[in-house]
Amino acid sequence: MAKLPDECATMVEVREGVDAVDRELVALLERRFGYMRAAARIKPNRDQVRDEERKASVIAAAVAQARVCGIPGDVIAELWDRLVEGSIAYEMEHWDQIRSTTT
């Protein structure tokens, strides 16, 4: 079990903590991409996959949460922009795959 940041006394402990968080983040992203697969299954039209209003809302919510947590909102905005764009691309690809196997 990795130590919490304030409990770390060595760089080995810091790196173990970062590695543990990275594993957790990947697991959370796996679940998030599962929701993209669900959206691809549910949305009847491919043009519904990209929703700029929703994208802006998701990024704004992440930035607001970052500020509450005291981490840099501009960094989170950049990360979330990439995450949302990657999610849209993944959803479109999955939408296409679902429809190509059913026709």
PDB file of N, CA and C in Angstrom:
ATOM      1  N   MET A   1       0.846  -1.182   0.000  1.00  0.00           N
ATOM      2  CA  MET A   1       0.000   0.000   0.000  1.00  0.00           C
ATOM      3  C   MET A   1       0.888   1.241   0.000  1.00  0.00           C
ATOM      4  N   ALA A   2       0.688   2.093  -0.973  1.00  0.00           N
ATOM      5  CA  ALA A   2       1.477   3.314  -1.086  1.00  0.00           C
ATOM      6  C   ALA A   2       1.093   4.292   0.018  1.00  0.00           C
ATOM      7  N   LYS A   3       2.078   5.052   0.437  1.00  0.00           N
ATOM      8  CA  LYS A   3       1.842   6.085   1.439  1.00  0.00           C
ATOM      9  C   LYS A   3       1.134   7.277   0.796  1.00  0.00           C
ATOM     10  N   LEU A   4       0.426   8.028   1.615  1.00  0.00           N
ATOM     11  CA  LEU A   4      -0.168   9.276   1.161  1.00  0.00           C
ATOM     12  C   LEU A   4       0.949  10.294   0.950  1.00  0.00           C
ATOM     13  N   PRO A   5       0.729  11.298   0.106  1.00  0.00           N
ATOM     14  CA  PRO A   5       1.800  12.258  -0.205  1.00  0.00           C
ATOM     15  C   PRO A   5       2.473  12.867   1.028  1.00  0.00           C
ATOM     16  N   ASP A   6       1.684  13.291   2.005  1.00  0.00           N
ATOM     17  CA  ASP A   6       2.265  13.934   3.185  1.00  0.00           C
ATOM     18  C   ASP A   6       3.031  12.971   4.084  1.00  0.00           C
ATOM     19  N   GLU A   7       2.850  11.678   3.863  1.00  0.00           N
ATOM     20  CA  GLU A   7       3.558  10.674   4.658  1.00  0.00           C
ATOM     21  C   GLU A   7       4.887  10.266   4.026  1.00  0.00           C
ATOM     22  N   CYS A   8       5.118  10.639   2.771  1.00  0.00           N
ATOM     23  CA  CYS A   8       6.330  10.228   2.060  1.00  0.00           C
ATOM     24  C   CYS A   8       7.560  10.954   2.613  1.00  0.00           C
ATOM     25  N   ALA A   9       8.624  10.164   2.802  1.00  0.00           N
ATOM     26  CA  ALA A   9       9.885  10.731   3.280  1.00  0.00           C
ATOM     27  C   ALA A   9      11.014  10.509   2.289  1.00  0.00           C
ATOM     28  N   THR A  10      10.770   9.668   1.274  1.00  0.00           N
ATOM     29  CA  THR A  10      11.809   9.369   0.287  1.00  0.00           C
ATOM     30  C   THR A  10      11.208   9.429  -1.112  1.00  0.00           C
ATOM     31  N   MET A  11      12.085   9.569  -2.103  1.00  0.00           N
ATOM     32  CA  MET A  11      11.621   9.571  -3.487  1.00  0.00           C
ATOM     33  C   MET A  11      11.085   8.200  -3.886  1.00  0.00           C
ATOM     34  N   VAL A  12      11.588   7.140  -3.299  1.00  0.00           N
ATOM     35  CA  VAL A  12      11.048   5.807  -3.579  1.00  0.00           C
ATOM     36  C   VAL A  12       9.580   5.766  -3.174  1.00  0.00           C
ATOM     37  N   GLU A  13       9.262   6.305  -2.017  1.00  0.00           N
ATOM     38  CA  GLU A  13       7.869   6.328  -1.555  1.00  0.00           C
ATOM     39  C   GLU A  13       7.007   7.206  -2.460  1.00  0.00           C
ATOM     40  N   VAL A  14       7.552   8.343  -2.886  1.00  0.00           N
ATOM     41  CA  VAL A  14       6.816   9.225  -3.803  1.00  0.00           C
ATOM     42  C   VAL A  14       6.520   8.488  -5.104  1.00  0.00           C
ATOM     43  N   ARG A  15       7.527   7.835  -5.658  1.00  0.00           N
ATOM     44  CA  ARG A  15       7.351   7.127  -6.933  1.00  0.00           C
ATOM     45  C   ARG A  15       6.383   5.961  -6.793  1.00  0.00           C
ATOM     46  N   GLU A  16       6.436   5.263  -5.691  1.00  0.00           N
ATOM     47  CA  GLU A  16       5.465   4.181  -5.454  1.00  0.00           C
ATOM     48  C   GLU A  16       4.047   4.748  -5.414  1.00  0.00           C
ATOM     49  N   GLY A  17       3.897   5.900  -4.774  1.00  0.00           N
ATOM     50  CA  GLY A  17       2.584   6.541  -4.706  1.00  0.00           C
ATOM     51  C   GLY A  17       2.095   6.985  -6.076  1.00  0.00           C
ATOM     52  N   VAL A  18       2.980   7.591  -6.847  1.00  0.00           N
ATOM     53  CA  VAL A  18       2.611   8.033  -8.203  1.00  0.00           C
ATOM     54  C   VAL A  18       2.211   6.826  -9.047  1.00  0.00           C
ATOM     55  N   ASP A  19       2.996   5.751  -8.974  1.00  0.00           N
ATOM     56  CA  ASP A  19       2.683   4.544  -9.751  1.00  0.00           C
ATOM     57  C   ASP A  19       1.328   3.962  -9.349  1.00  0.00           C
ATOM     58  N   ALA A  20       1.031   3.982  -8.048  1.00  0.00           N
ATOM     59  CA  ALA A  20      -0.260   3.464  -7.569  1.00  0.00           C
ATOM     60  C   ALA A  20      -1.408   4.332  -8.089  1.00  0.00           C
ATOM     61  N   VAL A  21      -1.232   5.642  -8.043  1.00  0.00           N
ATOM     62  CA  VAL A  21      -2.266   6.552  -8.556  1.00  0.00           C
ATOM     63  C   VAL A  21      -2.455   6.348 -10.056  1.00  0.00           C
ATOM     64  N   ASP A  22      -1.369   6.171 -10.786  1.00  0.00           N
ATOM     65  CA  ASP A  22      -1.476   5.936 -12.229  1.00  0.00           C
ATOM     66  C   ASP A  22      -2.287   4.685 -12.526  1.00  0.00           C
ATOM     67  N   ARG A  23      -2.077   3.627 -11.753  1.00  0.00           N
ATOM     68  CA  ARG A  23      -2.874   2.400 -11.947  1.00  0.00           C
ATOM     69  C   ARG A  23      -4.351   2.676 -11.677  1.00  0.00           C
ATOM     70  N   GLU A  24      -4.646   3.445 -10.641  1.00  0.00           N
ATOM     71  CA  GLU A  24      -6.028   3.804 -10.328  1.00  0.00           C
ATOM     72  C   GLU A  24      -6.640   4.649 -11.443  1.00  0.00           C
ATOM     73  N   LEU A  25      -5.855   5.595 -11.966  1.00  0.00           N
ATOM     74  CA  LEU A  25      -6.354   6.438 -13.053  1.00  0.00           C
ATOM     75  C   LEU A  25      -6.696   5.618 -14.291  1.00  0.00           C
ATOM     76  N   VAL A  26      -5.838   4.676 -14.631  1.00  0.00           N
ATOM     77  CA  VAL A  26      -6.114   3.828 -15.795  1.00  0.00           C
ATOM     78  C   VAL A  26      -7.386   3.015 -15.568  1.00  0.00           C
ATOM     79  N   ALA A  27      -7.566   2.502 -14.360  1.00  0.00           N
ATOM     80  CA  ALA A  27      -8.788   1.748 -14.055  1.00  0.00           C
ATOM     81  C   ALA A  27     -10.025   2.647 -14.185  1.00  0.00           C
ATOM     82  N   LEU A  28      -9.925   3.882 -13.727  1.00  0.00           N
ATOM     83  CA  LEU A  28     -11.044   4.817 -13.862  1.00  0.00           C
ATOM     84  C   LEU A  28     -11.291   5.167 -15.326  1.00  0.00           C
ATOM     85  N   LEU A  29     -10.219   5.331 -16.087  1.00  0.00           N
ATOM     86  CA  LEU A  29     -10.377   5.618 -17.517  1.00  0.00           C
ATOM     87  C   LEU A  29     -10.997   4.437 -18.250  1.00  0.00           C
ATOM     88  N   GLU A  30     -10.665   3.234 -17.826  1.00  0.00           N
ATOM     89  CA  GLU A  30     -11.302   2.057 -18.424  1.00  0.00           C
ATOM     90  C   GLU A  30     -12.814   2.135 -18.230  1.00  0.00           C
ATOM     91  N   ARG A  31     -13.241   2.510 -17.025  1.00  0.00           N
ATOM     92  CA  ARG A  31     -14.680   2.633 -16.761  1.00  0.00           C
ATOM     93  C   ARG A  31     -15.277   3.781 -17.576  1.00  0.00           C
ATOM     94  N   ARG A  32     -14.553   4.911 -17.667  1.00  0.00           N
ATOM     95  CA  ARG A  32     -15.047   6.054 -18.442  1.00  0.00           C
ATOM     96  C   ARG A  32     -15.234   5.661 -19.907  1.00  0.00           C
ATOM     97  N   PHE A  33     -14.264   4.933 -20.469  1.00  0.00           N
ATOM     98  CA  PHE A  33     -14.385   4.506 -21.859  1.00  0.00           C
ATOM     99  C   PHE A  33     -15.516   3.489 -22.023  1.00  0.00           C
ATOM    100  N   GLY A  34     -15.842   2.762 -20.973  1.00  0.00           N
ATOM    101  CA  GLY A  34     -17.022   1.896 -20.997  1.00  0.00           C
ATOM    102  C   GLY A  34     -18.291   2.701 -21.212  1.00  0.00           C
ATOM    103  N   TYR A  35     -18.347   3.873 -20.601  1.00  0.00           N
ATOM    104  CA  TYR A  35     -19.493   4.757 -20.826  1.00  0.00           C
ATOM    105  C   TYR A  35     -19.524   5.261 -22.267  1.00  0.00           C
ATOM    106  N   MET A  36     -18.368   5.425 -22.867  1.00  0.00           N
ATOM    107  CA  MET A  36     -18.327   5.828 -24.285  1.00  0.00           C
ATOM    108  C   MET A  36     -18.883   4.698 -25.160  1.00  0.00           C
ATOM    109  N   ARG A  37     -18.556   3.458 -24.823  1.00  0.00           N
ATOM    110  CA  ARG A  37     -19.127   2.324 -25.564  1.00  0.00           C
ATOM    111  C   ARG A  37     -20.644   2.287 -25.395  1.00  0.00           C
ATOM    112  N   ALA A  38     -21.113   2.559 -24.176  1.00  0.00           N
ATOM    113  CA  ALA A  38     -22.561   2.590 -23.934  1.00  0.00           C
ATOM    114  C   ALA A  38     -23.212   3.706 -24.743  1.00  0.00           C
ATOM    115  N   ALA A  39     -22.580   4.872 -24.773  1.00  0.00           N
ATOM    116  CA  ALA A  39     -23.128   5.990 -25.551  1.00  0.00           C
ATOM    117  C   ALA A  39     -23.195   5.636 -27.026  1.00  0.00           C
ATOM    118  N   ALA A  40     -22.150   4.987 -27.523  1.00  0.00           N
ATOM    119  CA  ALA A  40     -22.144   4.582 -28.942  1.00  0.00           C
ATOM    120  C   ALA A  40     -23.277   3.611 -29.233  1.00  0.00           C
ATOM    121  N   ARG A  41     -23.562   2.746 -28.291  1.00  0.00           N
ATOM    122  CA  ARG A  41     -24.643   1.775 -28.459  1.00  0.00           C
ATOM    123  C   ARG A  41     -26.006   2.456 -28.420  1.00  0.00           C
ATOM    124  N   ILE A  42     -26.134   3.486 -27.592  1.00  0.00           N
ATOM    125  CA  ILE A  42     -27.425   4.131 -27.357  1.00  0.00           C
ATOM    126  C   ILE A  42     -27.759   5.184 -28.410  1.00  0.00           C
ATOM    127  N   LYS A  43     -26.774   5.961 -28.834  1.00  0.00           N
ATOM    128  CA  LYS A  43     -27.038   7.053 -29.772  1.00  0.00           C
ATOM    129  C   LYS A  43     -27.398   6.496 -31.151  1.00  0.00           C
ATOM    130  N   PRO A  44     -28.564   6.890 -31.684  1.00  0.00           N
ATOM    131  CA  PRO A  44     -28.988   6.330 -32.962  1.00  0.00           C
ATOM    132  C   PRO A  44     -28.257   6.917 -34.172  1.00  0.00           C
ATOM    133  N   ASN A  45     -27.717   8.131 -34.036  1.00  0.00           N
ATOM    134  CA  ASN A  45     -27.076   8.795 -35.164  1.00  0.00           C
ATOM    135  C   ASN A  45     -25.633   9.146 -34.830  1.00  0.00           C
ATOM    136  N   ARG A  46     -24.749   8.925 -35.798  1.00  0.00           N
ATOM    137  CA  ARG A  46     -23.320   9.207 -35.599  1.00  0.00           C
ATOM    138  C   ARG A  46     -23.071  10.689 -35.323  1.00  0.00           C
ATOM    139  N   ASP A  47     -23.884  11.565 -35.914  1.00  0.00           N
ATOM    140  CA  ASP A  47     -23.672  12.994 -35.704  1.00  0.00           C
ATOM    141  C   ASP A  47     -23.993  13.437 -34.276  1.00  0.00           C
ATOM    142  N   GLN A  48     -24.586  12.562 -33.486  1.00  0.00           N
ATOM    143  CA  GLN A  48     -24.848  12.855 -32.074  1.00  0.00           C
ATOM    144  C   GLN A  48     -23.631  12.566 -31.194  1.00  0.00           C
ATOM    145  N   VAL A  49     -22.629  11.905 -31.747  1.00  0.00           N
ATOM    146  CA  VAL A  49     -21.446  11.554 -30.955  1.00  0.00           C
ATOM    147  C   VAL A  49     -20.710  12.822 -30.516  1.00  0.00           C
ATOM    148  N   ARG A  50     -20.470  13.734 -31.420  1.00  0.00           N
ATOM    149  CA  ARG A  50     -19.783  14.988 -31.066  1.00  0.00           C
ATOM    150  C   ARG A  50     -20.820  16.002 -30.599  1.00  0.00           C
ATOM    151  N   ASP A  51     -20.634  16.467 -29.369  1.00  0.00           N
ATOM    152  CA  ASP A  51     -21.547  17.453 -28.776  1.00  0.00           C
ATOM    153  C   ASP A  51     -20.670  18.522 -28.121  1.00  0.00           C
ATOM    154  N   GLU A  52     -20.432  19.600 -28.843  1.00  0.00           N
ATOM    155  CA  GLU A  52     -19.525  20.648 -28.366  1.00  0.00           C
ATOM    156  C   GLU A  52     -20.005  21.293 -27.069  1.00  0.00           C
ATOM    157  N   GLU A  53     -21.301  21.416 -26.919  1.00  0.00           N
ATOM    158  CA  GLU A  53     -21.839  21.995 -25.679  1.00  0.00           C
ATOM    159  C   GLU A  53     -21.525  21.087 -24.489  1.00  0.00           C
ATOM    160  N   ARG A  54     -21.716  19.801 -24.671  1.00  0.00           N
ATOM    161  CA  ARG A  54     -21.403  18.840 -23.606  1.00  0.00           C
ATOM    162  C   ARG A  54     -19.902  18.835 -23.317  1.00  0.00           C
ATOM    163  N   LYS A  55     -19.082  18.884 -24.368  1.00  0.00           N
ATOM    164  CA  LYS A  55     -17.632  18.909 -24.189  1.00  0.00           C
ATOM    165  C   LYS A  55     -17.233  20.103 -23.322  1.00  0.00           C
ATOM    166  N   ALA A  56     -17.743  21.279 -23.645  1.00  0.00           N
ATOM    167  CA  ALA A  56     -17.417  22.483 -22.879  1.00  0.00           C
ATOM    168  C   ALA A  56     -17.868  22.351 -21.431  1.00  0.00           C
ATOM    169  N   SER A  57     -19.023  21.765 -21.221  1.00  0.00           N
ATOM    170  CA  SER A  57     -19.561  21.580 -19.872  1.00  0.00           C
ATOM    171  C   SER A  57     -18.687  20.625 -19.053  1.00  0.00           C
ATOM    172  N   VAL A  58     -18.253  19.536 -19.671  1.00  0.00           N
ATOM    173  CA  VAL A  58     -17.403  18.554 -18.985  1.00  0.00           C
ATOM    174  C   VAL A  58     -16.071  19.192 -18.588  1.00  0.00           C
ATOM    175  N   ILE A  59     -15.475  19.943 -19.500  1.00  0.00           N
ATOM    176  CA  ILE A  59     -14.188  20.588 -19.216  1.00  0.00           C
ATOM    177  C   ILE A  59     -14.357  21.645 -18.128  1.00  0.00           C
ATOM    178  N   ALA A  60     -15.407  22.436 -18.209  1.00  0.00           N
ATOM    179  CA  ALA A  60     -15.647  23.473 -17.198  1.00  0.00           C
ATOM    180  C   ALA A  60     -15.846  22.854 -15.814  1.00  0.00           C
ATOM    181  N   ALA A  61     -16.562  21.743 -15.755  1.00  0.00           N
ATOM    182  CA  ALA A  61     -16.777  21.073 -14.464  1.00  0.00           C
ATOM    183  C   ALA A  61     -15.464  20.543 -13.896  1.00  0.00           C
ATOM    184  N   ALA A  62     -14.613  20.005 -14.748  1.00  0.00           N
ATOM    185  CA  ALA A  62     -13.322  19.492 -14.293  1.00  0.00           C
ATOM    186  C   ALA A  62     -12.441  20.633 -13.792  1.00  0.00           C
ATOM    187  N   VAL A  63     -12.445  21.753 -14.494  1.00  0.00           N
ATOM    188  CA  VAL A  63     -11.653  22.921 -14.084  1.00  0.00           C
ATOM    189  C   VAL A  63     -12.165  23.453 -12.747  1.00  0.00           C
ATOM    190  N   ALA A  64     -13.466  23.532 -12.594  1.00  0.00           N
ATOM    191  CA  ALA A  64     -14.043  24.003 -11.330  1.00  0.00           C
ATOM    192  C   ALA A  64     -13.651  23.080 -10.186  1.00  0.00           C
ATOM    193  N   GLN A  65     -13.712  21.775 -10.413  1.00  0.00           N
ATOM    194  CA  GLN A  65     -13.326  20.816  -9.376  1.00  0.00           C
ATOM    195  C   GLN A  65     -11.839  20.929  -9.060  1.00  0.00           C
ATOM    196  N   ALA A  66     -11.024  21.144 -10.084  1.00  0.00           N
ATOM    197  CA  ALA A  66      -9.582  21.319  -9.880  1.00  0.00           C
ATOM    198  C   ALA A  66      -9.322  22.511  -8.968  1.00  0.00           C
ATOM    199  N   ARG A  67     -10.009  23.594  -9.222  1.00  0.00           N
ATOM    200  CA  ARG A  67      -9.817  24.800  -8.401  1.00  0.00           C
ATOM    201  C   ARG A  67     -10.215  24.550  -6.953  1.00  0.00           C
ATOM    202  N   VAL A  68     -11.308  23.814  -6.751  1.00  0.00           N
ATOM    203  CA  VAL A  68     -11.727  23.457  -5.398  1.00  0.00           C
ATOM    204  C   VAL A  68     -10.627  22.639  -4.704  1.00  0.00           C
ATOM    205  N   CYS A  69      -9.985  21.777  -5.475  1.00  0.00           N
ATOM    206  CA  CYS A  69      -8.936  20.912  -4.930  1.00  0.00           C
ATOM    207  C   CYS A  69      -7.580  21.605  -4.822  1.00  0.00           C
ATOM    208  N   GLY A  70      -7.475  22.811  -5.365  1.00  0.00           N
ATOM    209  CA  GLY A  70      -6.223  23.552  -5.285  1.00  0.00           C
ATOM    210  C   GLY A  70      -5.155  23.109  -6.271  1.00  0.00           C
ATOM    211  N   ILE A  71      -5.595  22.523  -7.398  1.00  0.00           N
ATOM    212  CA  ILE A  71      -4.639  22.147  -8.442  1.00  0.00           C
ATOM    213  C   ILE A  71      -4.888  23.030  -9.663  1.00  0.00           C
ATOM    214  N   PRO A  72      -3.888  23.160 -10.547  1.00  0.00           N
ATOM    215  CA  PRO A  72      -3.990  24.142 -11.635  1.00  0.00           C
ATOM    216  C   PRO A  72      -5.098  23.834 -12.644  1.00  0.00           C
ATOM    217  N   GLY A  73      -6.051  24.750 -12.721  1.00  0.00           N
ATOM    218  CA  GLY A  73      -7.167  24.594 -13.641  1.00  0.00           C
ATOM    219  C   GLY A  73      -6.750  24.563 -15.094  1.00  0.00           C
ATOM    220  N   ASP A  74      -5.716  25.331 -15.456  1.00  0.00           N
ATOM    221  CA  ASP A  74      -5.294  25.350 -16.862  1.00  0.00           C
ATOM    222  C   ASP A  74      -4.724  23.995 -17.283  1.00  0.00           C
ATOM    223  N   VAL A  75      -4.020  23.337 -16.383  1.00  0.00           N
ATOM    224  CA  VAL A  75      -3.484  22.003 -16.692  1.00  0.00           C
ATOM    225  C   VAL A  75      -4.632  21.013 -16.844  1.00  0.00           C
ATOM    226  N   ILE A  76      -5.592  21.086 -15.945  1.00  0.00           N
ATOM    227  CA  ILE A  76      -6.748  20.188 -16.010  1.00  0.00           C
ATOM    228  C   ILE A  76      -7.548  20.454 -17.279  1.00  0.00           C
ATOM    229  N   ALA A  77      -7.693  21.704 -17.671  1.00  0.00           N
ATOM    230  CA  ALA A  77      -8.412  22.023 -18.912  1.00  0.00           C
ATOM    231  C   ALA A  77      -7.734  21.370 -20.109  1.00  0.00           C
ATOM    232  N   GLU A  78      -6.414  21.442 -20.170  1.00  0.00           N
ATOM    233  CA  GLU A  78      -5.678  20.807 -21.276  1.00  0.00           C
ATOM    234  C   GLU A  78      -5.845  19.290 -21.251  1.00  0.00           C
ATOM    235  N   LEU A  79      -5.704  18.697 -20.072  1.00  0.00           N
ATOM    236  CA  LEU A  79      -5.856  17.242 -19.957  1.00  0.00           C
ATOM    237  C   LEU A  79      -7.263  16.808 -20.346  1.00  0.00           C
ATOM    238  N   TRP A  80      -8.250  17.537 -19.860  1.00  0.00           N
ATOM    239  CA  TRP A  80      -9.636  17.148 -20.144  1.00  0.00           C
ATOM    240  C   TRP A  80     -10.002  17.370 -21.601  1.00  0.00           C
ATOM    241  N   ASP A  81      -9.447  18.399 -22.214  1.00  0.00           N
ATOM    242  CA  ASP A  81      -9.692  18.592 -23.643  1.00  0.00           C
ATOM    243  C   ASP A  81      -9.199  17.370 -24.411  1.00  0.00           C
ATOM    244  N   ARG A  82      -8.013  16.917 -24.099  1.00  0.00           N
ATOM    245  CA  ARG A  82      -7.454  15.728 -24.768  1.00  0.00           C
ATOM    246  C   ARG A  82      -8.260  14.479 -24.431  1.00  0.00           C
ATOM    247  N   LEU A  83      -8.660  14.354 -23.158  1.00  0.00           N
ATOM    248  CA  LEU A  83      -9.458  13.202 -22.744  1.00  0.00           C
ATOM    249  C   LEU A  83     -10.793  13.165 -23.490  1.00  0.00           C
ATOM    250  N   VAL A  84     -11.458  14.302 -23.564  1.00  0.00           N
ATOM    251  CA  VAL A  84     -12.767  14.345 -24.231  1.00  0.00           C
ATOM    252  C   VAL A  84     -12.602  14.094 -25.729  1.00  0.00           C
ATOM    253  N   GLU A  85     -11.598  14.694 -26.346  1.00  0.00           N
ATOM    254  CA  GLU A  85     -11.374  14.449 -27.777  1.00  0.00           C
ATOM    255  C   GLU A  85     -11.070  12.969 -28.031  1.00  0.00           C
ATOM    256  N   GLY A  86     -10.247  12.381 -27.194  1.00  0.00           N
ATOM    257  CA  GLY A  86      -9.958  10.951 -27.332  1.00  0.00           C
ATOM    258  C   GLY A  86     -11.194  10.099 -27.109  1.00  0.00           C
ATOM    259  N   SER A  87     -12.023  10.514 -26.176  1.00  0.00           N
ATOM    260  CA  SER A  87     -13.269   9.793 -25.905  1.00  0.00           C
ATOM    261  C   SER A  87     -14.224   9.872 -27.079  1.00  0.00           C
ATOM    262  N   ILE A  88     -14.308  11.052 -27.698  1.00  0.00           N
ATOM    263  CA  ILE A  88     -15.166  11.220 -28.875  1.00  0.00           C
ATOM    264  C   ILE A  88     -14.678  10.324 -30.011  1.00  0.00           C
ATOM    265  N   ALA A  89     -13.374  10.330 -30.248  1.00  0.00           N
ATOM    266  CA  ALA A  89     -12.818   9.481 -31.313  1.00  0.00           C
ATOM    267  C   ALA A  89     -13.100   8.010 -31.029  1.00  0.00           C
ATOM    268  N   TYR A  90     -12.929   7.601 -29.783  1.00  0.00           N
ATOM    269  CA  TYR A  90     -13.185   6.214 -29.385  1.00  0.00           C
ATOM    270  C   TYR A  90     -14.656   5.873 -29.582  1.00  0.00           C
ATOM    271  N   GLU A  91     -15.532   6.778 -29.162  1.00  0.00           N
ATOM    272  CA  GLU A  91     -16.973   6.541 -29.309  1.00  0.00           C
ATOM    273  C   GLU A  91     -17.367   6.438 -30.779  1.00  0.00           C
ATOM    274  N   MET A  92     -16.817   7.316 -31.610  1.00  0.00           N
ATOM    275  CA  MET A  92     -17.125   7.257 -33.047  1.00  0.00           C
ATOM    276  C   MET A  92     -16.668   5.928 -33.640  1.00  0.00           C
ATOM    277  N   GLU A  93     -15.474   5.512 -33.277  1.00  0.00           N
ATOM    278  CA  GLU A  93     -14.950   4.240 -33.775  1.00  0.00           C
ATOM    279  C   GLU A  93     -15.841   3.083 -33.333  1.00  0.00           C
ATOM    280  N   HIS A  94     -16.240   3.116 -32.079  1.00  0.00           N
ATOM    281  CA  HIS A  94     -17.111   2.051 -31.567  1.00  0.00           C
ATOM    282  C   HIS A  94     -18.495   2.119 -32.226  1.00  0.00           C
ATOM    283  N   TRP A  95     -19.010   3.335 -32.432  1.00  0.00           N
ATOM    284  CA  TRP A  95     -20.309   3.504 -33.102  1.00  0.00           C
ATOM    285  C   TRP A  95     -20.251   2.862 -34.484  1.00  0.00           C
ATOM    286  N   ASP A  96     -19.165   3.140 -35.212  1.00  0.00           N
ATOM    287  CA  ASP A  96     -18.994   2.570 -36.546  1.00  0.00           C
ATOM    288  C   ASP A  96     -18.891   1.040 -36.505  1.00  0.00           C
ATOM    289  N   GLN A  97     -18.172   0.513 -35.538  1.00  0.00           N
ATOM    290  CA  GLN A  97     -17.998  -0.934 -35.419  1.00  0.00           C
ATOM    291  C   GLN A  97     -19.329  -1.625 -35.143  1.00  0.00           C
ATOM    292  N   ILE A  98     -20.104  -1.060 -34.249  1.00  0.00           N
ATOM    293  CA  ILE A  98     -21.410  -1.648 -33.915  1.00  0.00           C
ATOM    294  C   ILE A  98     -22.293  -1.692 -35.159  1.00  0.00           C
ATOM    295  N   ARG A  99     -22.340  -0.592 -35.885  1.00  0.00           N
ATOM    296  CA  ARG A  99     -23.239  -0.504 -37.040  1.00  0.00           C
ATOM    297  C   ARG A  99     -22.757  -1.353 -38.214  1.00  0.00           C
ATOM    298  N   SER A 100     -21.442  -1.522 -38.340  1.00  0.00           N
ATOM    299  CA  SER A 100     -20.935  -2.306 -39.474  1.00  0.00           C
ATOM    300  C   SER A 100     -21.166  -3.811 -39.261  1.00  0.00           C
ATOM    301  N   THR A 101     -21.271  -4.237 -38.009  1.00  0.00           N
ATOM    302  CA  THR A 101     -21.493  -5.666 -37.760  1.00  0.00           C
ATOM    303  C   THR A 101     -22.977  -6.013 -37.774  1.00  0.00           C
ATOM    304  N   THR A 102     -23.848  -4.995 -37.737  1.00  0.00           N
ATOM    305  CA  THR A 102     -25.285  -5.267 -37.732  1.00  0.00           C
ATOM    306  C   THR A 102     -25.923  -5.065 -39.106  1.00  0.00           C
ATOM    307  N   THR A 103     -25.106  -4.653 -40.066  1.00  0.00           N
ATOM    308  CA  THR A 103     -25.699  -4.428 -41.405  1.00  0.00           C
ATOM    309  C   THR A 103     -25.268  -5.512 -42.358  1.00  0.00           C
TER     310      THR A 103
END
